[in-house]
Amino acid sequence: MASLNVPSEVPTVAEDCEKLRKAFVGWGTDEACIISILAHRNAMQRSLIRQTYAETFGEDLLKSLADELSGDFERAVLMWTLNPSERDALLANEAIKKGSAGHCILMEIACTRSSHDLFLVREDYHIRFKRSLVEDVAHHTSGEFRKILVPLLMAHRYEGPEVNMALATSEAKIIHENITEKAYSHEELIRILTTRSKAQLSATFNNYNDLYGSTIDKNLKADPKDKYLAFLRSVIKCLSYPEKYFEKVLRLSMKGFGTDEESLTRVVVTRAEVDMENIKEEYYRRNNVSLDNDIKGDTSGDYQHMLLALIGNKNV
């Protein structure tokens, strides 16, 4: 669940809407008020706020926010205020337009959302863009990337905990055979990765380790310059240990000169209500510094305050 700092006495939706309206009128904008409300409301509460705001003031809250805010702060607030499937549909559309640079964003959505959530993303994409997400991805990708991205986005995985250990052993052998033969886009390998439940895949990957004394990730590093192999490793990491995948995205977004605000915003906003506590723990374990601390060092102003609130900093 989210690590959001929700007040013990949450104001009514009508009160939230009234305060937001006041934050927009007059000279300047009360950004602190916007953060204090929206950053501390869950998806259902935000949806009710949007609905009530439109009914009360005759204007879409997203439009009011867009008119008043700017820059990275605006994007963070707008992305957060959208419901999760709307947000993912928008992110997917942006990713498609990026070409190969957007492949990992599409993969994130496909591998870390439940089957039901993914269905809602495809539905919202169709409503918003009047096109099929899967068809758009198929049209704008090619080769090995298309071969795996399309079934990933169409996945209807079983979400339960049951595992077939005999199947895990046999499919570990299939994966090893494909990797040994460098058949990295073989239909059997892709079938396993795009159809099996995450619990089943975990058992398969563990069996692989036990049978061959090495991880799949390590064996897929045969050619460090091969972009598809790097992508395949990301798929496996996202399916197995999403907190490790997102820790790396966050780390790289703030490493070196400059900040990749787009990646930073995307991960914070999409994971705040899902597994942010796990990501924060992994971030500290990997970097020996807190995510809060690095965000404070790489961002500033209202944008910084919004991100810190979303990752659960109780001082914002």
Protein backbone atom coordinates (compact mmCIF):
# COMPACT_ATOMS: atom_id res chain seq x y z
CA MET A 1 0.00 0.00 0.00
CA ALA A 2 0.98 3.64 -0.26
CA SER A 3 3.34 5.22 2.19
CA LEU A 4 1.31 8.41 2.05
CA ASN A 5 1.04 10.60 5.12
CA VAL A 6 -2.76 10.66 5.45
CA PRO A 7 -4.05 12.91 8.27
CA SER A 8 -5.98 11.19 11.08
CA GLU A 9 -8.97 13.44 10.42
CA VAL A 10 -9.36 13.61 6.66
CA PRO A 11 -11.47 16.58 5.48
CA THR A 12 -14.52 15.89 3.37
CA VAL A 13 -14.24 15.82 -0.41
CA ALA A 14 -16.25 19.05 -0.60
CA GLU A 15 -13.81 20.75 1.79
CA ASP A 16 -10.84 19.54 -0.27
CA CYS A 17 -12.42 20.95 -3.43
CA GLU A 18 -13.13 24.30 -1.78
CA LYS A 19 -9.54 24.59 -0.57
CA LEU A 20 -8.18 23.67 -3.98
CA ARG A 21 -10.37 26.30 -5.63
CA LYS A 22 -9.09 28.93 -3.22
CA ALA A 23 -5.52 27.84 -4.00
CA PHE A 24 -6.12 28.81 -7.65
CA VAL A 25 -7.83 32.20 -7.27
CA GLY A 26 -6.33 35.60 -6.54
CA TRP A 27 -2.72 36.60 -6.93
CA GLY A 28 -0.42 33.62 -7.30
CA THR A 29 -1.09 29.98 -6.56
CA ASP A 30 -0.98 28.26 -3.20
CA GLU A 31 1.22 25.32 -4.19
CA ALA A 32 1.65 24.20 -0.58
CA CYS A 33 -2.10 23.78 -0.28
CA ILE A 34 -2.24 21.69 -3.45
CA ILE A 35 0.50 19.41 -2.13
CA SER A 36 -1.08 19.16 1.32
CA ILE A 37 -4.31 17.89 -0.22
CA LEU A 38 -3.54 15.88 -3.35
CA ALA A 39 -0.28 14.29 -2.22
CA HIS A 40 -2.07 12.89 0.85
CA ARG A 41 -5.12 11.37 -0.84
CA ASN A 42 -5.33 7.86 -2.28
CA ALA A 43 -6.52 7.02 -5.80
CA MET A 44 -10.17 6.64 -4.82
CA GLN A 45 -10.17 9.91 -2.88
CA ARG A 46 -8.49 11.75 -5.76
CA SER A 47 -11.09 10.40 -8.17
CA LEU A 48 -13.89 11.66 -5.92
CA ILE A 49 -12.18 15.05 -5.65
CA ARG A 50 -12.01 15.34 -9.44
CA GLN A 51 -15.65 14.34 -9.80
CA THR A 52 -16.88 16.69 -7.07
CA TYR A 53 -14.70 19.56 -8.30
CA ALA A 54 -16.20 19.29 -11.79
CA GLU A 55 -19.74 19.13 -10.42
CA THR A 56 -19.17 22.08 -8.08
CA PHE A 57 -17.19 24.46 -10.27
CA GLY A 58 -17.99 23.25 -13.78
CA GLU A 59 -14.34 22.71 -14.68
CA ASP A 60 -12.02 19.73 -14.85
CA LEU A 61 -9.59 19.82 -11.92
CA LEU A 62 -6.80 18.74 -14.28
CA LYS A 63 -7.39 21.85 -16.41
CA SER A 64 -7.34 24.09 -13.34
CA LEU A 65 -4.07 22.54 -12.23
CA ALA A 66 -2.54 22.83 -15.71
CA ASP A 67 -3.51 26.50 -15.89
CA GLU A 68 -1.87 27.28 -12.55
CA LEU A 69 1.23 25.09 -12.45
CA SER A 70 4.28 24.61 -14.65
CA GLY A 71 7.37 22.52 -15.22
CA ASP A 72 8.22 19.30 -13.42
CA PHE A 73 5.92 20.17 -10.53
CA GLU A 74 2.97 20.45 -12.91
CA ARG A 75 3.74 17.08 -14.50
CA ALA A 76 4.10 15.36 -11.12
CA VAL A 77 0.79 16.77 -9.84
CA LEU A 78 -1.12 16.04 -13.04
CA MET A 79 0.22 12.49 -13.34
CA TRP A 80 -0.60 11.83 -9.71
CA THR A 81 -4.13 13.22 -9.99
CA LEU A 82 -5.00 10.91 -12.89
CA ASN A 83 -6.34 7.52 -11.92
CA PRO A 84 -3.69 4.77 -12.35
CA SER A 85 -5.03 3.26 -15.60
CA GLU A 86 -5.46 6.71 -17.20
CA ARG A 87 -1.92 7.56 -16.18
CA ASP A 88 -0.50 4.32 -17.59
CA ALA A 89 -2.39 4.84 -20.86
CA LEU A 90 -0.84 8.30 -21.18
CA LEU A 91 2.63 7.01 -20.27
CA ALA A 92 2.29 4.20 -22.80
CA ASN A 93 1.33 6.65 -25.54
CA GLU A 94 4.32 8.86 -24.72
CA ALA A 95 6.57 5.80 -24.69
CA ILE A 96 5.39 4.67 -28.12
CA LYS A 97 6.29 8.10 -29.53
CA LYS A 98 9.82 7.78 -28.10
CA GLY A 99 10.60 4.76 -30.28
CA SER A 100 13.23 2.42 -28.87
CA ALA A 101 13.82 4.79 -25.93
CA GLY A 102 10.30 4.03 -24.74
CA HIS A 103 10.51 0.24 -24.81
CA CYS A 104 11.40 -0.05 -21.12
CA ILE A 105 8.46 2.14 -20.07
CA LEU A 106 6.06 -0.13 -21.97
CA MET A 107 7.76 -3.13 -20.37
CA GLU A 108 7.39 -1.59 -16.87
CA ILE A 109 3.66 -1.21 -17.37
CA ALA A 110 3.25 -4.70 -18.81
CA CYS A 111 5.33 -6.50 -16.17
CA THR A 112 4.43 -4.70 -12.94
CA ARG A 113 0.66 -4.27 -13.27
CA SER A 114 -1.84 -7.04 -12.53
CA SER A 115 -3.76 -8.63 -15.39
CA HIS A 116 -6.84 -6.65 -14.36
CA ASP A 117 -4.88 -3.40 -14.17
CA LEU A 118 -3.41 -4.07 -17.61
CA PHE A 119 -6.91 -4.66 -19.00
CA LEU A 120 -7.97 -1.25 -17.63
CA VAL A 121 -4.90 0.39 -19.20
CA ARG A 122 -5.77 -1.06 -22.60
CA GLU A 123 -9.38 0.09 -22.13
CA ASP A 124 -8.41 3.64 -21.11
CA TYR A 125 -5.93 3.83 -23.98
CA HIS A 126 -8.72 2.98 -26.40
CA ILE A 127 -11.03 5.58 -24.85
CA ARG A 128 -8.41 8.35 -24.82
CA PHE A 129 -6.65 7.75 -28.14
CA LYS A 130 -9.36 5.92 -30.14
CA ARG A 131 -6.83 3.23 -31.00
CA SER A 132 -5.64 -0.10 -29.64
CA LEU A 133 -2.57 0.01 -27.40
CA VAL A 134 -1.43 -3.39 -28.63
CA GLU A 135 -1.87 -2.44 -32.28
CA ASP A 136 0.00 0.84 -31.74
CA VAL A 137 2.90 -0.98 -30.10
CA ALA A 138 2.95 -3.60 -32.86
CA HIS A 139 3.00 -0.84 -35.48
CA HIS A 140 5.78 1.19 -33.84
CA THR A 141 8.12 -1.64 -32.82
CA SER A 142 9.90 -4.35 -34.79
CA GLY A 143 11.93 -7.51 -34.56
CA GLU A 144 12.69 -9.06 -31.18
CA PHE A 145 11.23 -6.14 -29.24
CA ARG A 146 7.86 -6.42 -30.98
CA LYS A 147 7.92 -10.20 -30.50
CA ILE A 148 8.03 -9.86 -26.71
CA LEU A 149 6.33 -6.50 -26.04
CA VAL A 150 3.05 -7.36 -27.76
CA PRO A 151 2.36 -10.55 -25.74
CA LEU A 152 3.55 -8.85 -22.55
CA LEU A 153 0.94 -6.12 -23.01
CA MET A 154 -1.75 -8.71 -23.84
CA ALA A 155 -0.93 -10.87 -20.81
CA HIS A 156 -3.68 -12.45 -18.71
CA ARG A 157 -1.55 -13.95 -15.96
CA TYR A 158 -2.92 -16.02 -13.12
CA GLU A 159 -2.39 -13.92 -9.98
CA GLY A 160 -2.58 -16.61 -7.28
CA PRO A 161 0.18 -18.29 -5.25
CA GLU A 162 -0.16 -21.87 -6.56
CA VAL A 163 2.96 -23.29 -8.22
CA ASN A 164 3.56 -26.43 -10.29
CA MET A 165 7.07 -27.52 -9.37
CA ALA A 166 7.35 -30.11 -12.14
CA LEU A 167 6.47 -27.42 -14.66
CA ALA A 168 8.98 -25.05 -13.06
CA THR A 169 11.73 -27.65 -13.56
CA SER A 170 10.81 -28.44 -17.16
CA GLU A 171 10.52 -24.75 -18.12
CA ALA A 172 13.82 -23.92 -16.42
CA LYS A 173 15.37 -26.49 -18.76
CA ILE A 174 13.64 -24.92 -21.77
CA ILE A 175 14.97 -21.48 -20.82
CA HIS A 176 18.49 -22.86 -20.33
CA GLU A 177 18.37 -24.59 -23.71
CA ASN A 178 17.25 -21.37 -25.43
CA ILE A 179 19.97 -19.33 -23.73
CA THR A 180 22.65 -21.92 -24.51
CA GLU A 181 21.62 -21.86 -28.18
CA LYS A 182 21.41 -18.05 -28.08
CA ALA A 183 17.77 -18.32 -29.14
CA TYR A 184 16.88 -15.30 -27.01
CA SER A 185 13.61 -14.58 -28.82
CA HIS A 186 12.50 -18.20 -29.19
CA GLU A 187 8.73 -18.57 -28.99
CA GLU A 188 8.97 -20.96 -26.02
CA LEU A 189 11.08 -18.54 -23.99
CA ILE A 190 8.68 -15.70 -24.78
CA ARG A 191 5.66 -17.90 -24.04
CA ILE A 192 6.99 -18.67 -20.56
CA LEU A 193 7.84 -15.06 -19.73
CA THR A 194 4.54 -13.65 -21.02
CA THR A 195 2.01 -16.20 -19.77
CA ARG A 196 3.16 -17.72 -16.49
CA SER A 197 2.13 -16.28 -13.14
CA LYS A 198 4.79 -14.41 -11.21
CA ALA A 199 4.77 -17.10 -8.51
CA GLN A 200 5.33 -19.77 -11.17
CA LEU A 201 8.11 -17.74 -12.79
CA SER A 202 9.81 -17.29 -9.42
CA ALA A 203 9.83 -21.06 -8.96
CA THR A 204 11.15 -21.54 -12.50
CA PHE A 205 13.96 -19.02 -11.99
CA ASN A 206 14.91 -20.63 -8.67
CA ASN A 207 14.98 -24.04 -10.33
CA TYR A 208 17.23 -22.61 -13.02
CA ASN A 209 19.68 -21.43 -10.34
CA ASP A 210 19.65 -24.82 -8.62
CA LEU A 211 20.02 -26.83 -11.82
CA TYR A 212 22.73 -24.77 -13.50
CA GLY A 213 24.49 -22.97 -10.65
CA SER A 214 23.94 -19.58 -12.20
CA THR A 215 21.18 -17.01 -12.52
CA ILE A 216 19.36 -16.34 -15.78
CA ASP A 217 20.37 -12.69 -15.45
CA LYS A 218 24.06 -13.61 -15.39
CA ASN A 219 23.72 -15.94 -18.37
CA LEU A 220 21.99 -13.23 -20.37
CA LYS A 221 25.05 -10.98 -20.09
CA ALA A 222 26.86 -12.86 -22.87
CA ASP A 223 26.99 -9.71 -24.96
CA PRO A 224 26.86 -6.56 -22.76
CA LYS A 225 26.31 -4.37 -25.84
CA ASP A 226 23.23 -6.29 -27.00
CA LYS A 227 20.27 -4.01 -26.27
CA TYR A 228 17.72 -6.81 -26.57
CA LEU A 229 19.55 -8.92 -23.96
CA ALA A 230 19.62 -5.93 -21.61
CA PHE A 231 15.89 -5.52 -22.23
CA LEU A 232 15.29 -9.21 -21.53
CA ARG A 233 17.16 -8.91 -18.22
CA SER A 234 14.94 -5.95 -17.32
CA VAL A 235 11.84 -8.01 -18.11
CA ILE A 236 12.99 -10.76 -15.76
CA LYS A 237 13.93 -8.29 -13.04
CA CYS A 238 10.57 -6.50 -13.32
CA LEU A 239 8.69 -9.79 -13.08
CA SER A 240 10.79 -11.11 -10.19
CA TYR A 241 12.06 -8.16 -8.15
CA PRO A 242 10.33 -4.95 -9.22
CA GLU A 243 11.83 -3.06 -6.26
CA LYS A 244 15.33 -3.77 -7.64
CA TYR A 245 14.36 -2.64 -11.11
CA PHE A 246 12.79 0.61 -9.89
CA GLU A 247 15.67 1.29 -7.50
CA LYS A 248 18.01 1.22 -10.48
CA VAL A 249 15.79 3.56 -12.52
CA LEU A 250 15.69 6.02 -9.61
CA ARG A 251 19.43 5.76 -9.01
CA LEU A 252 20.28 6.39 -12.65
CA SER A 253 17.82 9.30 -12.82
CA MET A 254 19.83 11.15 -10.19
CA LYS A 255 23.35 9.89 -10.92
CA GLY A 256 26.01 12.16 -12.33
CA PHE A 257 25.46 15.58 -13.82
CA GLY A 258 21.85 16.64 -14.19
CA THR A 259 18.62 14.86 -13.28
CA ASP A 260 16.30 12.77 -15.42
CA GLU A 261 13.13 14.32 -13.99
CA GLU A 262 10.85 12.37 -16.32
CA SER A 263 12.05 9.00 -15.02
CA LEU A 264 12.16 10.21 -11.43
CA THR A 265 8.60 11.51 -11.61
CA ARG A 266 7.31 8.39 -13.36
CA VAL A 267 8.65 5.96 -10.78
CA VAL A 268 7.62 8.00 -7.74
CA VAL A 269 4.11 8.66 -9.05
CA THR A 270 3.40 5.13 -10.30
CA ARG A 271 4.87 3.26 -7.31
CA ALA A 272 3.82 5.55 -4.41
CA GLU A 273 0.64 3.54 -3.79
CA VAL A 274 2.12 0.16 -4.66
CA ASP A 275 5.56 -0.77 -3.30
CA MET A 276 7.40 2.45 -2.47
CA GLU A 277 8.45 1.22 0.97
CA ASN A 278 10.15 -1.81 -0.63
CA ILE A 279 11.82 0.44 -3.19
CA LYS A 280 13.07 2.79 -0.48
CA GLU A 281 14.52 -0.13 1.48
CA GLU A 282 16.24 -1.46 -1.62
CA TYR A 283 17.52 2.02 -2.47
CA TYR A 284 19.14 2.39 0.95
CA ARG A 285 20.56 -1.15 0.82
CA ARG A 286 22.08 -0.53 -2.60
CA ASN A 287 23.34 3.04 -2.10
CA ASN A 288 23.78 3.42 1.65
CA VAL A 289 21.82 6.65 1.47
CA SER A 290 18.08 7.25 1.69
CA LEU A 291 15.93 8.01 -1.33
CA ASP A 292 14.68 11.10 0.54
CA ASN A 293 18.22 12.38 0.83
CA ASP A 294 19.02 11.96 -2.85
CA ILE A 295 15.75 13.58 -3.93
CA LYS A 296 16.57 16.56 -1.70
CA GLY A 297 19.99 16.81 -3.31
CA ASP A 298 18.77 16.60 -6.91
CA THR A 299 15.50 18.56 -6.88
CA SER A 300 14.15 21.78 -5.42
CA GLY A 301 11.07 23.83 -4.63
CA ASP A 302 7.51 22.57 -4.99
CA TYR A 303 8.61 19.69 -7.22
CA GLN A 304 10.87 18.41 -4.45
CA HIS A 305 8.13 18.83 -1.84
CA MET A 306 5.65 16.91 -3.99
CA LEU A 307 8.03 13.98 -4.53
CA LEU A 308 8.97 13.81 -0.86
CA ALA A 309 5.30 13.79 0.16
CA LEU A 310 4.56 10.97 -2.27
CA ILE A 311 7.36 8.75 -0.97
CA GLY A 312 6.05 9.21 2.57
CA ASN A 313 8.14 12.02 4.06
CA LYS A 314 6.00 13.12 7.01
CA ASN A 315 7.58 16.57 7.14
CA VAL A 316 5.93 17.68 3.88
